[in-house]
Amino acid sequence: MVVSERPRTVGTAPWQLDGSICMPDAERCPGLVLIHGSGANDRDHRVGATRIFRDLAHGLAARGVAVLRYDKRTFAYRERLASRLDDDLTLHEEAVVDARAALAVLRQEPNVDDRRLFLFGYSLGGLAAPRVALLDGGLRGLVIAAATLRPLEERLLEQIRYLAALDGPNARRARRALPQAERDVKRIKDIVGGAPPLLDERLLERSPTYWLDLARHQPAAILASLGLPLLVIHPERDYQVTDGDLHAWRESSAQLPGLELRSYPGLNHSLVFGTEASSPDEHEKPTRISDDVPNDVARWIHSCC
């Protein structure tokens, strides 16, 4: 299928974001918005030499799904955000607001069927996607990839411990960071449990407000209340989201009757196939995400329509 890519603007001042829409050569096609993982990511969601969102957008558009992606707020306004203390910054400001704005843009596309709109929440975006869907109220379904239902701080600590056990510069940095990360996670648990936060306190590089907000919005409960079709993509070679997270999704299946869970042997957190133990070093090799992911996502979206 012929695919075209066109620029789009997401949101309004003072947080306008540059974006792109990938369109199939089809009329009234389903549409999807991509929600970033953690960090300051551009619309292609570059991780090393891999462009996760570009590959997803082009792969899905070639299979009949229009895809809107955009530069994340923390990428486009990195200096502005770094110049102030973000005590009030939560996942809502980081991801939810802009994903809702992106859905509004997608609804204006003449060749997109606004009755068949979906979200793809990747990594941290998997925590944001249920909130966006709840506020939107008009989506057909959700795709959540490489994401956790467990507390984020626990996953970050497990990730640091994994890296600390490897060799090389990344391992040395992780070993230096590990004691403070363990103290931070304990402190986060205390604050969530009712301990008062300190002025200008930072825990795992985020404010206490950020962690309190995450604790208040449990993704499994939101997904259960939505009752929407849900496709969960679990990469088995992922050290950021592990077998414990796959188990958590399976445990939630009774409360999520619309859940379809797909586990991919050999895929890492960037949805790239490999055979070695996953590490940050492999992201430096130019590669593309596995075709299995856009294939399966496109088939699932069309089956929901």
Protein backbone atom coordinates (compact mmCIF):
# COMPACT_ATOMS: atom_id res chain seq x y z
CA MET A 1 0.00 0.00 0.00
CA VAL A 2 1.24 3.50 -0.88
CA VAL A 3 2.06 5.58 2.21
CA SER A 4 2.42 9.35 2.48
CA GLU A 5 3.80 11.38 5.39
CA ARG A 6 2.69 14.94 6.10
CA PRO A 7 3.51 17.47 8.85
CA ARG A 8 0.99 18.20 11.56
CA THR A 9 0.95 20.49 14.62
CA VAL A 10 -0.27 19.06 17.91
CA GLY A 11 -1.56 21.22 20.76
CA THR A 12 -1.62 24.99 21.23
CA ALA A 13 0.71 27.66 22.61
CA PRO A 14 2.68 27.60 24.81
CA TRP A 15 3.16 23.86 24.21
CA GLN A 16 2.73 23.42 20.46
CA LEU A 17 4.45 20.29 19.16
CA ASP A 18 5.67 19.38 15.69
CA GLY A 19 4.33 16.09 14.41
CA SER A 20 3.81 13.88 11.39
CA ILE A 21 0.94 11.78 10.13
CA CYS A 22 1.54 8.65 8.08
CA MET A 23 -1.43 8.01 5.83
CA PRO A 24 -2.29 4.93 3.79
CA ASP A 25 -3.78 5.38 0.36
CA ALA A 26 -7.24 4.55 1.64
CA GLU A 27 -10.45 6.34 2.58
CA ARG A 28 -11.99 6.34 6.05
CA CYS A 29 -9.20 4.24 7.56
CA PRO A 30 -8.72 3.65 11.30
CA GLY A 31 -6.34 6.01 13.09
CA LEU A 32 -3.85 5.62 15.91
CA VAL A 33 -1.83 7.97 18.15
CA LEU A 34 1.56 6.90 19.52
CA ILE A 35 2.39 7.83 23.14
CA HIS A 36 6.08 8.01 24.08
CA GLY A 37 8.03 6.21 26.72
CA SER A 38 10.08 7.99 29.38
CA GLY A 39 12.70 10.59 28.54
CA ALA A 40 12.94 13.44 26.07
CA ASN A 41 11.91 11.74 22.83
CA ASP A 42 11.34 13.10 19.36
CA ARG A 43 8.49 11.94 17.15
CA ASP A 44 10.57 9.01 15.85
CA HIS A 45 11.32 7.86 19.42
CA ARG A 46 15.00 7.29 18.71
CA VAL A 47 16.75 4.83 21.00
CA GLY A 48 20.34 4.73 19.84
CA ALA A 49 20.17 3.96 16.13
CA THR A 50 16.61 2.59 16.26
CA ARG A 51 13.61 4.76 15.39
CA ILE A 52 10.82 2.89 17.11
CA PHE A 53 7.91 5.21 16.28
CA ARG A 54 8.99 5.89 12.71
CA ASP A 55 9.11 2.16 12.02
CA LEU A 56 5.74 1.63 13.71
CA ALA A 57 4.10 4.51 11.84
CA HIS A 58 5.30 3.46 8.41
CA GLY A 59 4.64 -0.23 9.08
CA LEU A 60 1.09 0.37 10.25
CA ALA A 61 0.28 2.87 7.49
CA ALA A 62 1.41 0.30 4.92
CA ARG A 63 -1.17 -2.01 6.49
CA GLY A 64 -4.06 0.46 6.31
CA VAL A 65 -3.82 2.37 9.62
CA ALA A 66 -3.21 6.15 9.79
CA VAL A 67 -0.66 6.98 12.50
CA LEU A 68 0.03 10.33 14.17
CA ARG A 69 3.28 10.84 16.06
CA TYR A 70 4.78 14.01 17.50
CA ASP A 71 7.74 15.37 19.43
CA LYS A 72 7.30 14.85 23.15
CA ARG A 73 6.91 17.97 25.29
CA THR A 74 10.07 17.16 27.25
CA PHE A 75 11.99 17.02 23.95
CA ALA A 76 10.54 20.10 22.28
CA TYR A 77 10.76 22.27 25.41
CA ARG A 78 13.68 20.67 27.18
CA GLU A 79 15.38 23.96 28.11
CA ARG A 80 12.18 25.61 29.30
CA LEU A 81 11.30 22.66 31.50
CA ALA A 82 14.87 22.34 32.82
CA SER A 83 14.96 26.00 33.84
CA ARG A 84 12.33 25.62 36.55
CA LEU A 85 11.49 23.28 39.39
CA ASP A 86 8.73 20.98 38.16
CA ASP A 87 7.15 20.22 41.53
CA ASP A 88 3.76 20.14 39.83
CA LEU A 89 4.80 18.06 36.82
CA THR A 90 3.01 14.72 36.62
CA LEU A 91 2.35 12.15 33.91
CA HIS A 92 -0.70 14.25 33.03
CA GLU A 93 1.45 17.19 31.89
CA GLU A 94 4.22 14.98 30.53
CA ALA A 95 2.06 12.79 28.28
CA VAL A 96 -1.71 12.78 28.79
CA VAL A 97 -2.51 16.36 27.71
CA ASP A 98 -0.56 16.12 24.47
CA ALA A 99 -1.93 12.69 23.57
CA ARG A 100 -5.44 14.09 23.89
CA ALA A 101 -4.45 17.00 21.64
CA ALA A 102 -3.09 14.51 19.12
CA LEU A 103 -6.42 12.66 19.08
CA ALA A 104 -8.15 15.97 18.34
CA VAL A 105 -5.85 16.46 15.34
CA LEU A 106 -6.50 12.93 14.12
CA ARG A 107 -10.25 13.51 14.30
CA GLN A 108 -9.87 16.38 11.81
CA GLU A 109 -8.27 14.19 9.16
CA PRO A 110 -10.81 13.75 6.33
CA ASN A 111 -9.64 10.22 5.45
CA VAL A 112 -9.58 8.97 9.06
CA ASP A 113 -12.71 7.37 10.50
CA ASP A 114 -13.18 9.13 13.83
CA ARG A 115 -15.28 6.20 15.06
CA ARG A 116 -12.22 3.93 14.78
CA LEU A 117 -9.49 5.61 16.80
CA PHE A 118 -6.87 3.81 18.88
CA LEU A 119 -3.94 4.59 21.17
CA PHE A 120 -0.55 2.88 21.26
CA GLY A 121 1.10 3.42 24.64
CA TYR A 122 4.77 2.45 24.61
CA SER A 123 6.66 1.82 27.88
CA LEU A 124 5.77 4.79 30.14
CA GLY A 125 3.12 5.64 27.54
CA GLY A 126 1.42 2.42 28.59
CA LEU A 127 0.70 4.06 31.94
CA ALA A 128 -0.61 7.20 30.23
CA ALA A 129 -2.81 5.51 27.60
CA PRO A 130 -5.56 4.33 30.01
CA ARG A 131 -5.88 7.85 31.44
CA VAL A 132 -6.12 9.34 27.95
CA ALA A 133 -8.79 6.82 26.98
CA LEU A 134 -10.79 7.53 30.14
CA LEU A 135 -10.76 11.28 29.51
CA ASP A 136 -11.45 10.91 25.79
CA GLY A 137 -14.40 8.54 26.00
CA GLY A 138 -14.55 7.87 22.27
CA LEU A 139 -11.84 5.34 21.47
CA ARG A 140 -12.26 1.91 19.91
CA GLY A 141 -9.33 0.23 21.67
CA LEU A 142 -5.85 0.41 23.18
CA VAL A 143 -2.48 -1.13 22.39
CA ILE A 144 0.04 -1.21 25.24
CA ALA A 145 3.61 -2.30 24.49
CA ALA A 146 6.59 -3.01 26.77
CA ALA A 147 4.74 -1.59 29.76
CA THR A 148 4.15 -2.52 33.38
CA LEU A 149 1.18 -2.73 35.71
CA ARG A 150 3.52 -2.78 38.70
CA PRO A 151 4.72 0.39 40.46
CA LEU A 152 7.12 2.22 38.16
CA GLU A 153 9.69 2.83 40.89
CA GLU A 154 10.03 -0.93 41.43
CA ARG A 155 10.67 -1.48 37.74
CA LEU A 156 13.29 1.28 37.62
CA LEU A 157 15.14 -0.22 40.57
CA GLU A 158 15.09 -3.68 38.98
CA GLN A 159 16.46 -2.13 35.79
CA ILE A 160 19.37 -0.51 37.64
CA ARG A 161 20.16 -3.78 39.40
CA TYR A 162 20.17 -5.60 36.06
CA LEU A 163 22.55 -3.08 34.51
CA ALA A 164 24.81 -3.14 37.58
CA ALA A 165 25.38 -6.87 37.04
CA LEU A 166 26.70 -6.35 33.49
CA ASP A 167 30.17 -5.33 32.33
CA GLY A 168 31.36 -2.00 30.95
CA PRO A 169 30.66 1.71 31.50
CA ASN A 170 26.88 1.30 31.82
CA ALA A 171 27.38 -1.25 34.58
CA ARG A 172 29.80 0.98 36.45
CA ARG A 173 27.35 3.89 36.31
CA ALA A 174 24.53 1.62 37.50
CA ARG A 175 26.60 0.32 40.41
CA ARG A 176 27.34 3.88 41.50
CA ALA A 177 23.65 4.83 41.21
CA LEU A 178 22.23 1.73 42.91
CA PRO A 179 22.55 2.71 46.61
CA GLN A 180 20.82 6.05 46.04
CA ALA A 181 18.14 4.40 43.89
CA GLU A 182 17.38 1.95 46.69
CA ARG A 183 17.04 4.83 49.15
CA ASP A 184 14.83 6.73 46.70
CA VAL A 185 12.47 3.80 46.21
CA LYS A 186 12.11 3.35 49.96
CA ARG A 187 11.41 7.06 50.30
CA ILE A 188 8.80 6.93 47.50
CA LYS A 189 7.03 4.10 49.33
CA ASP A 190 7.04 6.15 52.51
CA ILE A 191 5.60 9.23 50.81
CA VAL A 192 2.91 7.21 49.02
CA GLY A 193 2.11 5.76 52.44
CA GLY A 194 1.60 9.23 53.92
CA ALA A 195 5.02 10.60 54.91
CA PRO A 196 5.35 14.33 54.09
CA PRO A 197 7.65 15.20 51.16
CA LEU A 198 10.54 17.60 51.61
CA LEU A 199 10.92 20.92 49.79
CA ASP A 200 12.57 20.46 46.36
CA GLU A 201 13.00 16.73 46.99
CA ARG A 202 13.93 14.60 43.96
CA LEU A 203 13.47 10.83 43.91
CA LEU A 204 14.64 8.85 40.87
CA GLU A 205 14.93 12.25 39.13
CA ARG A 206 11.27 13.10 39.70
CA SER A 207 9.37 15.09 42.29
CA PRO A 208 7.23 13.49 45.02
CA THR A 209 4.21 14.96 43.22
CA TYR A 210 5.02 12.78 40.22
CA TRP A 211 5.10 9.60 42.31
CA LEU A 212 1.95 10.48 44.25
CA ASP A 213 0.12 11.03 40.98
CA LEU A 214 1.19 7.63 39.64
CA ALA A 215 0.04 5.94 42.85
CA ARG A 216 -3.40 7.59 42.58
CA HIS A 217 -4.04 6.40 39.02
CA GLN A 218 -3.80 2.62 38.86
CA PRO A 219 -3.76 1.50 35.19
CA ALA A 220 -5.36 -1.90 35.78
CA ALA A 221 -8.34 -0.33 37.54
CA ILE A 222 -8.77 2.26 34.80
CA LEU A 223 -8.56 -0.38 32.08
CA ALA A 224 -11.15 -2.51 33.87
CA SER A 225 -13.52 0.46 34.08
CA LEU A 226 -13.10 1.23 30.38
CA GLY A 227 -13.95 -2.25 29.13
CA LEU A 228 -12.25 -1.55 25.80
CA PRO A 229 -10.50 -4.09 23.59
CA LEU A 230 -6.87 -4.18 24.70
CA LEU A 231 -3.82 -5.61 22.96
CA VAL A 232 -0.74 -6.00 25.19
CA ILE A 233 2.65 -6.57 23.56
CA HIS A 234 5.30 -8.11 25.80
CA PRO A 235 8.90 -8.38 24.53
CA GLU A 236 10.48 -11.40 26.24
CA ARG A 237 14.10 -10.18 25.88
CA ASP A 238 13.31 -6.93 27.69
CA TYR A 239 15.21 -6.09 30.88
CA GLN A 240 13.08 -3.00 31.55
CA VAL A 241 9.80 -4.92 31.54
CA THR A 242 10.28 -8.53 32.59
CA ASP A 243 8.52 -11.83 33.25
CA GLY A 244 7.12 -10.33 36.44
CA ASP A 245 5.24 -7.81 34.33
CA LEU A 246 3.98 -10.51 31.98
CA HIS A 247 2.70 -12.36 35.06
CA ALA A 248 0.96 -9.19 36.26
CA TRP A 249 -0.88 -8.85 32.94
CA ARG A 250 -1.96 -12.49 33.11
CA GLU A 251 -3.13 -12.03 36.69
CA SER A 252 -5.29 -9.09 35.55
CA SER A 253 -6.91 -10.97 32.68
CA ALA A 254 -10.01 -11.87 34.74
CA GLN A 255 -10.70 -8.14 35.27
CA LEU A 256 -9.86 -7.31 31.65
CA PRO A 257 -12.12 -9.48 29.47
CA GLY A 258 -11.11 -7.54 26.36
CA LEU A 259 -7.40 -8.34 26.85
CA GLU A 260 -5.36 -10.04 24.14
CA LEU A 261 -1.82 -10.70 25.34
CA ARG A 262 0.99 -11.36 22.87
CA SER A 263 4.45 -12.31 24.02
CA TYR A 264 7.38 -12.08 21.59
CA PRO A 265 10.46 -14.25 22.10
CA GLY A 266 13.64 -12.46 21.08
CA LEU A 267 12.34 -8.88 21.18
CA ASN A 268 14.00 -6.29 23.42
CA HIS A 269 12.46 -3.14 24.90
CA SER A 270 12.86 -1.36 21.54
CA LEU A 271 10.88 -4.17 19.84
CA VAL A 272 14.03 -5.31 18.01
CA PHE A 273 14.84 -9.00 17.58
CA GLY A 274 18.06 -10.49 18.92
CA THR A 275 19.50 -13.60 20.48
CA GLU A 276 21.94 -12.20 23.06
CA ALA A 277 21.06 -10.96 26.54
CA SER A 278 19.69 -7.45 26.14
CA SER A 279 21.87 -4.48 27.10
CA PRO A 280 22.08 -0.75 26.24
CA ASP A 281 24.96 -1.46 23.84
CA GLU A 282 22.76 -3.22 21.31
CA HIS A 283 20.80 -0.01 20.67
CA GLU A 284 23.83 1.49 18.94
CA LYS A 285 23.51 -0.89 15.99
CA PRO A 286 21.34 0.49 13.15
CA THR A 287 18.29 -1.74 13.01
CA ARG A 288 14.52 -1.77 12.61
CA ILE A 289 11.78 -3.04 14.87
CA SER A 290 10.40 -6.50 14.18
CA ASP A 291 7.78 -6.63 11.41
CA ASP A 292 5.78 -8.94 13.67
CA VAL A 293 4.68 -5.95 15.75
CA PRO A 294 3.04 -3.77 13.05
CA ASN A 295 1.69 -6.95 11.42
CA ASP A 296 -0.06 -8.06 14.59
CA VAL A 297 -1.18 -4.57 15.64
CA ALA A 298 -2.70 -3.87 12.23
CA ARG A 299 -4.52 -7.20 12.16
CA TRP A 300 -5.87 -6.58 15.66
CA ILE A 301 -7.03 -3.03 14.83
CA HIS A 302 -8.85 -4.17 11.69
CA SER A 303 -10.47 -7.01 13.67
CA CYS A 304 -11.82 -4.45 16.16
CA CYS A 305 -13.42 -2.45 13.39
